[in-house]
Amino acid sequence: MQRKCWEPPRAAREERHAGTAGLSASVIVLLVVAALTVSLGFAWLPDSLLGIGVVGVGLFLAISARICQAREQHQALCRVLEHLRSAPRY
């Protein structure tokens, strides 16, 4: 079997890991519970505390985005470590 010359040799490996790049079930459950808590808390705020509520929602969105970003970075690090482990040693 001849490899296509325009494809990098690890393209098949990256496609194999593409399906596992999502968030785990426990992280999704925690994010849903946190989203419900934030929305209920924001709905119950009196008018005088609405500004603090907006800051709190922004903080929640920033933390959620960081969780997703950390997952992607973790997956990339695992791919690099797997590549290093499978590389031939001289």
Protein backbone atom coordinates (compact mmCIF):
# COMPACT_ATOMS: atom_id res chain seq x y z
CA MET A 1 0.00 0.00 0.00
CA GLN A 2 1.47 3.30 -1.08
CA ARG A 3 1.04 6.42 1.03
CA LYS A 4 -0.17 9.59 -0.65
CA CYS A 5 2.73 11.99 -0.90
CA TRP A 6 0.66 15.12 -0.16
CA GLU A 7 -0.63 13.83 3.18
CA PRO A 8 1.44 14.12 6.34
CA PRO A 9 2.19 10.70 7.85
CA ARG A 10 0.27 11.36 11.05
CA ALA A 11 -2.98 12.53 9.40
CA ALA A 12 -4.70 9.20 10.08
CA ARG A 13 -3.72 9.35 13.74
CA GLU A 14 -5.16 12.87 14.11
CA GLU A 15 -8.42 11.77 12.48
CA ARG A 16 -8.60 8.87 14.92
CA HIS A 17 -8.29 11.24 17.91
CA ALA A 18 -10.73 13.79 16.49
CA GLY A 19 -13.69 11.84 17.87
CA THR A 20 -12.37 11.95 21.42
CA ALA A 21 -11.86 15.71 21.57
CA GLY A 22 -15.21 16.44 23.21
CA LEU A 23 -15.88 17.16 26.85
CA SER A 24 -16.50 14.27 29.21
CA ALA A 25 -20.01 13.55 30.45
CA SER A 26 -19.26 14.72 33.99
CA VAL A 27 -17.95 18.09 32.77
CA ILE A 28 -21.06 18.58 30.62
CA VAL A 29 -23.33 17.76 33.58
CA LEU A 30 -21.45 20.20 35.81
CA LEU A 31 -21.63 22.94 33.16
CA VAL A 32 -25.38 22.41 32.73
CA VAL A 33 -25.95 22.55 36.49
CA ALA A 34 -23.80 25.68 36.72
CA ALA A 35 -25.69 27.28 33.83
CA LEU A 36 -29.02 26.58 35.52
CA THR A 37 -27.74 27.99 38.81
CA VAL A 38 -26.41 31.12 37.13
CA SER A 39 -29.64 31.72 35.21
CA LEU A 40 -31.85 31.22 38.28
CA GLY A 41 -29.61 33.41 40.41
CA PHE A 42 -29.60 36.13 37.77
CA ALA A 43 -33.40 35.98 37.47
CA TRP A 44 -33.87 36.43 41.24
CA LEU A 45 -31.57 39.45 41.57
CA PRO A 46 -33.19 42.73 42.54
CA ASP A 47 -32.70 45.71 40.21
CA SER A 48 -30.05 47.26 42.43
CA LEU A 49 -27.77 44.20 42.07
CA LEU A 50 -28.25 43.67 38.34
CA GLY A 51 -24.78 45.05 37.51
CA ILE A 52 -23.12 42.52 39.80
CA GLY A 53 -25.23 39.81 38.16
CA VAL A 54 -23.95 40.77 34.72
CA VAL A 55 -20.37 40.57 36.02
CA GLY A 56 -21.14 37.15 37.53
CA VAL A 57 -22.57 35.85 34.25
CA GLY A 58 -19.50 37.13 32.42
CA LEU A 59 -17.26 35.36 34.92
CA PHE A 60 -19.23 32.14 34.45
CA LEU A 61 -18.83 32.36 30.67
CA ALA A 62 -15.11 33.03 31.02
CA ILE A 63 -14.62 30.01 33.29
CA SER A 64 -16.66 27.80 30.95
CA ALA A 65 -14.58 28.92 27.96
CA ARG A 66 -11.38 28.19 29.90
CA ILE A 67 -12.60 24.67 30.71
CA CYS A 68 -13.19 24.00 27.01
CA GLN A 69 -9.81 25.49 26.08
CA ALA A 70 -8.03 23.39 28.70
CA ARG A 71 -9.64 20.26 27.27
CA GLU A 72 -8.33 21.08 23.78
CA GLN A 73 -4.85 21.81 25.14
CA HIS A 74 -4.88 18.56 27.10
CA GLN A 75 -5.83 16.58 23.99
CA ALA A 76 -3.04 18.26 21.99
CA LEU A 77 -0.52 17.48 24.73
CA CYS A 78 -1.61 13.84 24.82
CA ARG A 79 -1.17 13.59 21.04
CA VAL A 80 2.36 15.04 21.27
CA LEU A 81 3.30 12.70 24.11
CA GLU A 82 1.92 9.71 22.21
CA HIS A 83 3.91 10.74 19.15
CA LEU A 84 7.08 11.04 21.24
CA ARG A 85 6.47 7.69 22.86
CA SER A 86 5.95 5.92 19.52
CA ALA A 87 8.95 7.60 17.85
CA PRO A 88 11.94 5.35 17.28
CA ARG A 89 14.79 5.82 19.72
CA TYR A 90 18.37 5.94 18.50
